[in-house]
Amino acid sequence: MNAGKSEDALWKRYDGEFHQALISNCGSRELMDAHQLAFDKYFRYPILSADRRGAEPIKQHRQLLECALARDSKRAATVLVAHVNNCVEYALKGGALR
């Protein structure tokens, strides 16, 4: 496996684990199942790895972590919407979602 593919695999793993950790204590099995379904679909598109999307996803992860630690759900929702929109816009630009 070349270095690029290895880095993509690590990003996908850690990205999934990060988001799973954020919602793991939400108390809603339905939300966790919906999250898993969305991530399963998301990971079909290797073009969405963060190194190809620049520093923004990493910055947003940092912000989400800060929000979680501060229990600031309002700001977390704003950051999460921007994070998802960033991913979707990038996928549309790259032709991954048609």
C-alpha atoms as a PDB file:
ATOM      1  CA  MET A   1       0.000   0.000   0.000  1.00  0.00           C
ATOM      2  CA  ASN A   2       1.464   3.384  -0.921  1.00  0.00           C
ATOM      3  CA  ALA A   3       1.824   6.234   1.573  1.00  0.00           C
ATOM      4  CA  GLY A   4      -1.157   8.192   0.196  1.00  0.00           C
ATOM      5  CA  LYS A   5      -3.534   5.264   0.553  1.00  0.00           C
ATOM      6  CA  SER A   6      -2.187   4.505   4.009  1.00  0.00           C
ATOM      7  CA  GLU A   7      -2.745   8.117   5.113  1.00  0.00           C
ATOM      8  CA  ASP A   8      -6.267   8.077   3.640  1.00  0.00           C
ATOM      9  CA  ALA A   9      -7.058   4.892   5.563  1.00  0.00           C
ATOM     10  CA  LEU A  10      -5.755   6.396   8.803  1.00  0.00           C
ATOM     11  CA  TRP A  11      -7.708   9.608   8.250  1.00  0.00           C
ATOM     12  CA  LYS A  12     -10.919   7.658   7.637  1.00  0.00           C
ATOM     13  CA  ARG A  13     -10.367   5.571  10.747  1.00  0.00           C
ATOM     14  CA  TYR A  14      -9.596   8.496  13.039  1.00  0.00           C
ATOM     15  CA  ASP A  15     -12.270  10.715  11.504  1.00  0.00           C
ATOM     16  CA  GLY A  16     -14.883   8.035  12.121  1.00  0.00           C
ATOM     17  CA  GLU A  17     -13.646   7.406  15.656  1.00  0.00           C
ATOM     18  CA  PHE A  18     -13.664  11.144  16.405  1.00  0.00           C
ATOM     19  CA  HIS A  19     -17.244  11.629  15.264  1.00  0.00           C
ATOM     20  CA  GLN A  20     -18.344   8.420  17.002  1.00  0.00           C
ATOM     21  CA  ALA A  21     -16.795   9.623  20.260  1.00  0.00           C
ATOM     22  CA  LEU A  22     -18.670  12.911  19.960  1.00  0.00           C
ATOM     23  CA  ILE A  23     -22.082  11.248  19.733  1.00  0.00           C
ATOM     24  CA  SER A  24     -21.468   8.090  21.761  1.00  0.00           C
ATOM     25  CA  ASN A  25     -23.091   9.496  24.890  1.00  0.00           C
ATOM     26  CA  CYS A  26     -26.118  11.069  23.199  1.00  0.00           C
ATOM     27  CA  GLY A  27     -28.490   8.428  24.554  1.00  0.00           C
ATOM     28  CA  SER A  28     -30.244   7.907  21.215  1.00  0.00           C
ATOM     29  CA  ARG A  29     -29.768   4.595  19.437  1.00  0.00           C
ATOM     30  CA  GLU A  30     -31.584   6.039  16.394  1.00  0.00           C
ATOM     31  CA  LEU A  31     -29.164   8.977  16.157  1.00  0.00           C
ATOM     32  CA  MET A  32     -26.167   6.692  16.472  1.00  0.00           C
ATOM     33  CA  ASP A  33     -27.547   4.363  13.778  1.00  0.00           C
ATOM     34  CA  ALA A  34     -28.237   7.317  11.458  1.00  0.00           C
ATOM     35  CA  HIS A  35     -24.725   8.588  12.091  1.00  0.00           C
ATOM     36  CA  GLN A  36     -23.238   5.194  11.242  1.00  0.00           C
ATOM     37  CA  LEU A  37     -25.293   4.972   8.049  1.00  0.00           C
ATOM     38  CA  ALA A  38     -24.119   8.423   6.952  1.00  0.00           C
ATOM     39  CA  PHE A  39     -20.494   7.563   7.666  1.00  0.00           C
ATOM     40  CA  ASP A  40     -20.757   4.264   5.791  1.00  0.00           C
ATOM     41  CA  LYS A  41     -21.928   6.183   2.725  1.00  0.00           C
ATOM     42  CA  TYR A  42     -19.393   8.978   3.236  1.00  0.00           C
ATOM     43  CA  PHE A  43     -16.460   6.565   3.313  1.00  0.00           C
ATOM     44  CA  ARG A  44     -17.287   5.327  -0.160  1.00  0.00           C
ATOM     45  CA  TYR A  45     -15.692   8.516  -1.487  1.00  0.00           C
ATOM     46  CA  PRO A  46     -11.924   8.498  -0.941  1.00  0.00           C
ATOM     47  CA  ILE A  47     -11.744  11.936  -2.570  1.00  0.00           C
ATOM     48  CA  LEU A  48     -13.135  13.366   0.677  1.00  0.00           C
ATOM     49  CA  SER A  49     -10.048  12.703   2.768  1.00  0.00           C
ATOM     50  CA  ALA A  50      -8.939  15.737   4.739  1.00  0.00           C
ATOM     51  CA  ASP A  51      -5.503  16.085   3.180  1.00  0.00           C
ATOM     52  CA  ARG A  52      -7.199  16.793  -0.132  1.00  0.00           C
ATOM     53  CA  ARG A  53      -9.618  19.245   1.472  1.00  0.00           C
ATOM     54  CA  GLY A  54      -6.990  21.346   3.188  1.00  0.00           C
ATOM     55  CA  ALA A  55      -6.778  22.449   6.790  1.00  0.00           C
ATOM     56  CA  GLU A  56     -10.458  23.341   7.233  1.00  0.00           C
ATOM     57  CA  PRO A  57     -11.723  19.889   8.353  1.00  0.00           C
ATOM     58  CA  ILE A  58      -8.947  19.646  10.927  1.00  0.00           C
ATOM     59  CA  LYS A  59      -9.754  23.140  12.209  1.00  0.00           C
ATOM     60  CA  GLN A  60     -13.430  22.173  12.423  1.00  0.00           C
ATOM     61  CA  HIS A  61     -12.578  19.002  14.346  1.00  0.00           C
ATOM     62  CA  ARG A  62     -10.643  21.104  16.842  1.00  0.00           C
ATOM     63  CA  GLN A  63     -13.621  23.447  17.180  1.00  0.00           C
ATOM     64  CA  LEU A  64     -16.010  20.519  17.644  1.00  0.00           C
ATOM     65  CA  LEU A  65     -13.799  19.084  20.369  1.00  0.00           C
ATOM     66  CA  GLU A  66     -13.704  22.459  22.129  1.00  0.00           C
ATOM     67  CA  CYS A  67     -17.495  22.698  21.894  1.00  0.00           C
ATOM     68  CA  ALA A  68     -17.934  19.200  23.305  1.00  0.00           C
ATOM     69  CA  LEU A  69     -15.608  19.880  26.218  1.00  0.00           C
ATOM     70  CA  ALA A  70     -17.400  23.165  26.945  1.00  0.00           C
ATOM     71  CA  ARG A  71     -20.809  21.512  26.428  1.00  0.00           C
ATOM     72  CA  ASP A  72     -21.623  24.286  23.960  1.00  0.00           C
ATOM     73  CA  SER A  73     -24.236  22.531  21.824  1.00  0.00           C
ATOM     74  CA  LYS A  74     -25.347  25.686  20.034  1.00  0.00           C
ATOM     75  CA  ARG A  75     -21.870  26.486  18.724  1.00  0.00           C
ATOM     76  CA  ALA A  76     -21.230  22.781  18.046  1.00  0.00           C
ATOM     77  CA  ALA A  77     -24.300  22.660  15.803  1.00  0.00           C
ATOM     78  CA  THR A  78     -23.050  25.677  13.844  1.00  0.00           C
ATOM     79  CA  VAL A  79     -19.577  24.172  13.420  1.00  0.00           C
ATOM     80  CA  LEU A  80     -21.008  20.766  12.473  1.00  0.00           C
ATOM     81  CA  VAL A  81     -23.236  22.268   9.772  1.00  0.00           C
ATOM     82  CA  ALA A  82     -20.204  24.075   8.331  1.00  0.00           C
ATOM     83  CA  HIS A  83     -18.173  20.844   8.551  1.00  0.00           C
ATOM     84  CA  VAL A  84     -20.769  18.788   6.679  1.00  0.00           C
ATOM     85  CA  ASN A  85     -21.324  21.533   4.101  1.00  0.00           C
ATOM     86  CA  ASN A  86     -17.570  21.758   3.519  1.00  0.00           C
ATOM     87  CA  CYS A  87     -17.474  18.033   2.818  1.00  0.00           C
ATOM     88  CA  VAL A  88     -20.500  18.092   0.505  1.00  0.00           C
ATOM     89  CA  GLU A  89     -19.251  21.128  -1.434  1.00  0.00           C
ATOM     90  CA  TYR A  90     -15.874  19.480  -1.927  1.00  0.00           C
ATOM     91  CA  ALA A  91     -17.486  16.235  -3.071  1.00  0.00           C
ATOM     92  CA  LEU A  92     -19.718  18.064  -5.545  1.00  0.00           C
ATOM     93  CA  LYS A  93     -16.776  20.048  -6.918  1.00  0.00           C
ATOM     94  CA  GLY A  94     -14.754  16.879  -7.365  1.00  0.00           C
ATOM     95  CA  GLY A  95     -17.602  14.952  -8.971  1.00  0.00           C
ATOM     96  CA  ALA A  96     -17.825  12.355  -6.194  1.00  0.00           C
ATOM     97  CA  LEU A  97     -21.538  13.038  -5.677  1.00  0.00           C
ATOM     98  CA  ARG A  98     -23.633  13.149  -8.811  1.00  0.00           C
END
